């Protein structure tokens, strides 16, 4: 069955909460055509000369909320300890977006622009796959959702900014259409939410934001026969394992531990062998450095061992 879920007051929220009532309940195998706002709850594109703080807001925005997330979506039968599989069938950006250098003052002091608030407005052409800003620069689009996650097990409202082992603000640019994201379920029926559309972003998201834009996406939900302790994904680039932590060293350790487990299971090899092979064929990327906790993802290409078969 296919469901429709539009972004409007009552379906958009700015936190993760295990006690939030779902706005829709789906069965495993169902798809949802999902509309998301941009991360700032914008009601429309910024006008020329308009500052980021002057943007029009969608109903439901409050000063203390985080990213605009659509959901929660309950998946019938999902239980703590299960793995939720989210297949990303399509991701289509709107025709406008914005990039703003803001967020982490620590980073912007390092960059020497702590008191600068640069804003780029983008005109997006989803059909051509390009975006153009007011400076005349054109970039290729590679759209994905920055936030996809399920509710954490701890009570209360949780910020959308730091990613967690149950997903959230992962900002992993590999999660494009054709990918399947696997998330550990922590609460009954998972309570999945998504938002923070990125029309394009580099690894690291070093300026604090991507091309932030509204999205139309289609997602299909399953309960997977796969045990995960941290988000992993099957993507066009290969298998991707993710780690989030306070430091890049810790995050890389989590991502690599998940990669070694995945390789050992799929290849039937011991720890030493998979570590040796990973050193040859896997890549480690800095996912993002701007979300309070940092992210690292490891990529194992699907054809890594094709020549050996």
Protein backbone atom coordinates (compact mmCIF):
# COMPACT_ATOMS: atom_id res chain seq x y z
CA UNK A 1 0.00 0.00 0.00
CA UNK A 2 1.14 3.54 -0.72
CA UNK A 3 0.42 6.38 1.69
CA UNK A 4 0.65 10.16 1.30
CA UNK A 5 2.05 12.37 4.05
CA UNK A 6 2.28 16.09 3.45
CA UNK A 7 4.24 18.56 5.55
CA UNK A 8 1.75 20.72 7.42
CA UNK A 9 0.89 21.74 10.95
CA UNK A 10 0.24 18.54 12.86
CA UNK A 11 2.57 16.37 10.76
CA UNK A 12 5.77 18.41 11.24
CA UNK A 13 7.72 18.52 14.49
CA UNK A 14 11.17 19.63 15.62
CA UNK A 15 12.41 16.91 17.99
CA UNK A 16 12.56 13.15 18.56
CA UNK A 17 10.30 11.79 21.31
CA UNK A 18 9.41 8.17 22.07
CA UNK A 19 6.01 9.31 23.40
CA UNK A 20 5.03 11.40 20.37
CA UNK A 21 1.85 10.01 18.78
CA UNK A 22 2.38 8.78 15.22
CA UNK A 23 0.71 10.73 12.43
CA UNK A 24 0.42 7.60 10.30
CA UNK A 25 0.84 3.84 10.84
CA UNK A 26 2.08 1.62 8.02
CA UNK A 27 2.61 -2.09 7.55
CA UNK A 28 5.95 -3.60 6.54
CA UNK A 29 6.15 -3.39 2.76
CA UNK A 30 4.16 -0.15 2.58
CA UNK A 31 5.50 2.97 0.88
CA UNK A 32 5.00 6.60 1.88
CA UNK A 33 5.14 9.56 -0.46
CA UNK A 34 6.54 12.09 1.96
CA UNK A 35 6.80 15.86 1.74
CA UNK A 36 9.46 17.61 3.81
CA UNK A 37 10.18 21.26 4.52
CA UNK A 38 13.69 22.70 4.54
CA UNK A 39 15.52 22.49 7.85
CA UNK A 40 14.47 26.05 8.83
CA UNK A 41 10.70 25.51 8.48
CA UNK A 42 10.67 27.97 5.57
CA UNK A 43 7.30 28.70 3.98
CA UNK A 44 8.95 29.75 0.72
CA UNK A 45 12.20 30.93 -0.83
CA UNK A 46 14.10 33.90 0.53
CA UNK A 47 13.59 37.10 -1.39
CA UNK A 48 16.64 38.96 -2.74
CA UNK A 49 18.25 40.89 0.09
CA UNK A 50 16.23 39.05 2.75
CA UNK A 51 18.28 37.80 5.72
CA UNK A 52 18.02 34.23 6.94
CA UNK A 53 16.29 35.38 10.16
CA UNK A 54 13.63 37.13 8.07
CA UNK A 55 12.53 34.03 6.18
CA UNK A 56 8.79 33.24 6.23
CA UNK A 57 7.99 30.36 8.58
CA UNK A 58 5.56 27.49 8.23
CA UNK A 59 2.79 27.20 10.82
CA UNK A 60 3.91 25.19 13.83
CA UNK A 61 7.41 26.66 14.04
CA UNK A 62 8.57 27.69 17.52
CA UNK A 63 11.85 29.32 18.54
CA UNK A 64 13.07 26.26 20.47
CA UNK A 65 12.52 23.59 17.78
CA UNK A 66 15.14 21.92 15.61
CA UNK A 67 14.96 20.67 12.03
CA UNK A 68 11.48 20.47 10.52
CA UNK A 69 10.74 16.74 10.48
CA UNK A 70 7.73 15.01 8.95
CA UNK A 71 6.27 12.19 11.01
CA UNK A 72 6.45 10.23 13.22
CA UNK A 73 5.60 7.19 11.11
CA UNK A 74 4.78 4.05 13.07
CA UNK A 75 5.71 0.73 11.47
CA UNK A 76 3.34 -1.95 12.68
CA UNK A 77 5.13 -4.88 14.32
CA UNK A 78 8.51 -3.19 14.79
CA UNK A 79 9.90 -3.89 18.27
CA UNK A 80 12.99 -2.82 20.22
CA UNK A 81 15.91 -4.90 19.00
CA UNK A 82 14.54 -5.14 15.46
CA UNK A 83 16.10 -3.43 12.45
CA UNK A 84 14.05 -1.03 10.37
CA UNK A 85 14.89 -1.01 6.66
CA UNK A 86 14.05 2.25 4.90
CA UNK A 87 14.32 1.97 1.12
CA UNK A 88 14.80 5.35 -0.52
CA UNK A 89 12.86 5.00 -3.76
CA UNK A 90 13.00 8.61 -4.95
CA UNK A 91 14.28 11.98 -3.75
CA UNK A 92 13.22 15.12 -5.61
CA UNK A 93 14.20 18.60 -4.44
CA UNK A 94 12.01 21.66 -4.84
CA UNK A 95 13.08 24.49 -7.16
CA UNK A 96 14.72 26.61 -4.48
CA UNK A 97 17.15 26.32 -1.61
CA UNK A 98 19.66 28.19 0.51
CA UNK A 99 23.07 27.76 2.12
CA UNK A 100 23.98 29.68 5.26
CA UNK A 101 27.31 29.71 7.11
CA UNK A 102 26.03 29.28 10.63
CA UNK A 103 25.80 26.80 13.46
CA UNK A 104 29.12 25.96 15.10
CA UNK A 105 30.83 29.10 16.39
CA UNK A 106 33.86 26.99 17.28
CA UNK A 107 34.36 26.10 13.62
CA UNK A 108 33.68 29.56 12.28
CA UNK A 109 36.17 31.10 14.69
CA UNK A 110 38.70 28.65 13.25
CA UNK A 111 37.73 29.72 9.74
CA UNK A 112 38.05 33.39 10.67
CA UNK A 113 34.40 34.20 9.85
CA UNK A 114 32.78 33.97 13.29
CA UNK A 115 30.87 37.22 12.83
CA UNK A 116 30.01 36.70 9.17
CA UNK A 117 26.67 35.30 8.02
CA UNK A 118 27.03 34.44 4.36
CA UNK A 119 23.86 33.40 2.59
CA UNK A 120 23.60 31.85 -0.87
CA UNK A 121 20.21 31.53 -2.51
CA UNK A 122 19.89 28.73 -5.04
CA UNK A 123 17.62 28.19 -8.01
CA UNK A 124 17.28 24.44 -8.46
CA UNK A 125 16.43 22.54 -11.63
CA UNK A 126 15.59 18.97 -10.53
CA UNK A 127 15.10 17.82 -14.13
CA UNK A 128 18.55 18.98 -15.23
CA UNK A 129 20.08 18.07 -11.88
CA UNK A 130 21.72 21.48 -11.40
CA UNK A 131 21.57 24.41 -9.00
CA UNK A 132 22.68 27.99 -9.60
CA UNK A 133 23.31 30.65 -6.95
CA UNK A 134 23.16 34.42 -7.20
CA UNK A 135 26.93 34.58 -7.75
CA UNK A 136 26.47 32.65 -10.99
CA UNK A 137 27.99 29.37 -9.79
CA UNK A 138 26.35 26.17 -11.04
CA UNK A 139 26.71 22.86 -9.21
CA UNK A 140 25.48 19.33 -9.83
CA UNK A 141 22.67 18.18 -7.54
CA UNK A 142 22.91 14.93 -5.57
CA UNK A 143 19.81 15.07 -3.37
CA UNK A 144 19.32 13.17 -0.13
CA UNK A 145 17.64 13.59 3.25
CA UNK A 146 19.95 14.83 5.98
CA UNK A 147 17.73 13.53 8.80
CA UNK A 148 16.28 10.03 8.90
CA UNK A 149 15.86 8.37 12.25
CA UNK A 150 13.69 6.58 14.77
CA UNK A 151 12.85 7.64 18.30
CA UNK A 152 15.52 7.06 20.97
CA UNK A 153 14.59 4.95 24.01
CA UNK A 154 15.16 7.71 26.61
CA UNK A 155 12.06 9.72 27.63
CA UNK A 156 11.50 13.36 26.75
CA UNK A 157 12.20 15.51 23.74
CA UNK A 158 15.59 15.08 22.07
CA UNK A 159 17.30 17.61 19.83
CA UNK A 160 17.36 16.92 16.11
CA UNK A 161 20.90 18.32 15.76
CA UNK A 162 23.21 15.54 17.03
CA UNK A 163 22.85 12.18 15.25
CA UNK A 164 22.55 9.03 17.35
CA UNK A 165 22.94 5.27 16.98
CA UNK A 166 19.24 5.21 15.99
CA UNK A 167 19.87 7.69 13.18
CA UNK A 168 18.71 11.28 12.98
CA UNK A 169 20.84 14.07 11.57
CA UNK A 170 23.28 11.73 9.82
CA UNK A 171 24.03 14.10 6.90
CA UNK A 172 25.50 11.20 4.92
CA UNK A 173 25.65 12.18 1.25
CA UNK A 174 25.60 8.53 0.14
CA UNK A 175 21.92 8.10 1.12
CA UNK A 176 20.64 8.93 -2.35
CA UNK A 177 17.76 7.31 -4.21
CA UNK A 178 18.38 3.60 -4.64
CA UNK A 179 19.78 3.23 -1.12
CA UNK A 180 18.36 1.27 1.80
CA UNK A 181 19.09 2.58 5.28
CA UNK A 182 19.08 0.13 8.20
CA UNK A 183 18.37 1.54 11.67
CA UNK A 184 18.27 -0.18 15.07
CA UNK A 185 14.75 0.07 16.51
CA UNK A 186 14.62 1.33 20.10
CA UNK A 187 10.88 1.78 20.75
CA UNK A 188 7.69 0.01 19.75
CA UNK A 189 6.70 0.68 16.11
CA UNK A 190 10.00 2.56 15.54
CA UNK A 191 8.45 6.07 15.19
CA UNK A 192 10.42 7.15 12.13
CA UNK A 193 10.79 10.81 11.13
CA UNK A 194 12.59 12.50 8.24
CA UNK A 195 13.49 15.92 6.91
CA UNK A 196 16.41 18.28 6.27
CA UNK A 197 16.50 17.91 2.50
CA UNK A 198 19.92 18.50 0.93
CA UNK A 199 20.04 19.16 -2.79
CA UNK A 200 23.85 18.87 -2.66
CA UNK A 201 26.47 18.54 0.08
CA UNK A 202 30.13 17.65 0.35
CA UNK A 203 31.53 15.18 2.86
CA UNK A 204 32.02 17.01 6.15
CA UNK A 205 29.34 19.66 5.51
CA UNK A 206 32.13 22.02 6.53
CA UNK A 207 30.12 25.26 6.24
CA UNK A 208 27.40 24.08 8.59
CA UNK A 209 24.67 23.68 5.97
CA UNK A 210 24.18 22.11 2.55
CA UNK A 211 21.82 23.40 -0.15
CA UNK A 212 18.89 23.23 2.25
CA UNK A 213 15.58 22.72 0.45
CA UNK A 214 12.14 21.14 0.63
CA UNK A 215 11.82 17.65 -0.80
CA UNK A 216 9.37 15.14 -2.19
CA UNK A 217 10.53 11.61 -1.36
CA UNK A 218 9.18 8.09 -1.53
CA UNK A 219 10.22 5.63 1.16
CA UNK A 220 9.37 1.95 1.61
CA UNK A 221 9.53 0.36 5.07
CA UNK A 222 10.43 -3.19 6.04
CA UNK A 223 11.55 -5.03 9.16
CA UNK A 224 14.88 -6.51 8.12
CA UNK A 225 16.48 -9.81 9.05
CA UNK A 226 19.71 -8.00 9.82
CA UNK A 227 21.16 -7.07 13.21
CA UNK A 228 22.71 -3.58 13.40
CA UNK A 229 24.09 -1.56 16.30
CA UNK A 230 24.62 1.65 14.32
CA UNK A 231 23.13 2.94 11.06
CA UNK A 232 24.33 1.13 7.96
CA UNK A 233 23.14 1.37 4.37
CA UNK A 234 23.24 -0.46 1.07
CA UNK A 235 23.85 2.37 -1.42
CA UNK A 236 24.82 2.77 -5.09
CA UNK A 237 28.37 3.50 -3.87
CA UNK A 238 28.51 0.29 -1.83
CA UNK A 239 27.81 -0.79 1.72
CA UNK A 240 28.12 2.15 4.11
CA UNK A 241 28.60 1.82 7.86
CA UNK A 242 28.27 4.89 10.07
CA UNK A 243 29.62 6.02 13.39
CA UNK A 244 28.73 9.08 15.46
CA UNK A 245 30.59 10.15 18.58
CA UNK A 246 32.26 13.07 20.34
CA UNK A 247 35.50 12.67 18.37
CA UNK A 248 36.42 11.55 14.88
CA UNK A 249 38.59 8.80 16.37
CA UNK A 250 35.64 7.37 18.31
CA UNK A 251 33.28 7.75 15.34
CA UNK A 252 35.69 6.01 12.98
CA UNK A 253 36.03 3.16 15.46
CA UNK A 254 32.25 2.64 15.52
CA UNK A 255 31.97 2.80 11.73
CA UNK A 256 34.85 0.36 11.23
CA UNK A 257 33.57 -2.07 13.86
CA UNK A 258 30.28 -2.21 11.96
CA UNK A 259 32.18 -2.64 8.68
CA UNK A 260 34.28 -5.52 10.02
CA UNK A 261 31.15 -7.26 11.34
CA UNK A 262 29.39 -6.81 8.00
CA UNK A 263 32.36 -8.13 6.03
CA UNK A 264 32.85 -11.07 8.37
CA UNK A 265 29.18 -12.06 8.03
CA UNK A 266 29.06 -11.66 4.26
CA UNK A 267 32.45 -13.20 3.47
CA UNK A 268 32.59 -15.86 6.16
CA UNK A 269 36.09 -14.77 7.19
CA UNK A 270 37.73 -14.17 10.54
CA UNK A 271 38.57 -10.82 12.10
CA UNK A 272 42.16 -10.64 10.94
CA UNK A 273 41.28 -11.38 7.34
CA UNK A 274 38.50 -8.80 7.14
CA UNK A 275 40.69 -6.11 8.70
CA UNK A 276 43.41 -6.85 6.15
CA UNK A 277 40.93 -6.78 3.25
CA UNK A 278 39.22 -3.60 4.52
CA UNK A 279 42.58 -1.85 4.53
CA UNK A 280 42.82 -2.52 0.78
CA UNK A 281 39.29 -1.93 -0.52
CA UNK A 282 37.32 0.22 1.98
CA UNK A 283 37.33 4.01 2.26
CA UNK A 284 36.71 6.04 5.40
CA UNK A 285 35.02 9.43 5.01
CA UNK A 286 34.27 12.26 7.42
CA UNK A 287 30.49 12.49 7.17
CA UNK A 288 30.06 15.77 9.05
CA UNK A 289 31.89 17.86 11.66
CA UNK A 290 29.16 20.37 12.51
CA UNK A 291 26.44 18.61 14.52
CA UNK A 292 27.81 18.62 18.10
CA UNK A 293 28.69 14.95 17.66
CA UNK A 294 30.78 14.20 14.58
CA UNK A 295 30.18 11.51 11.97
CA UNK A 296 32.34 9.07 10.03
CA UNK A 297 31.24 6.57 7.41
CA UNK A 298 33.12 3.68 5.83
CA UNK A 299 32.34 2.59 2.28
CA UNK A 300 32.82 -0.94 0.93
CA UNK A 301 32.21 -0.86 -2.86
CA UNK A 302 29.94 -3.58 -4.18
CA UNK A 303 32.55 -4.60 -6.76
CA UNK A 304 35.48 -4.56 -4.30
CA UNK A 305 36.21 -8.25 -4.86
CA UNK A 306 34.88 -8.69 -8.39
CA UNK A 307 38.34 -9.41 -9.87
CA UNK A 308 38.96 -12.17 -7.34
CA UNK A 309 35.80 -14.14 -8.16
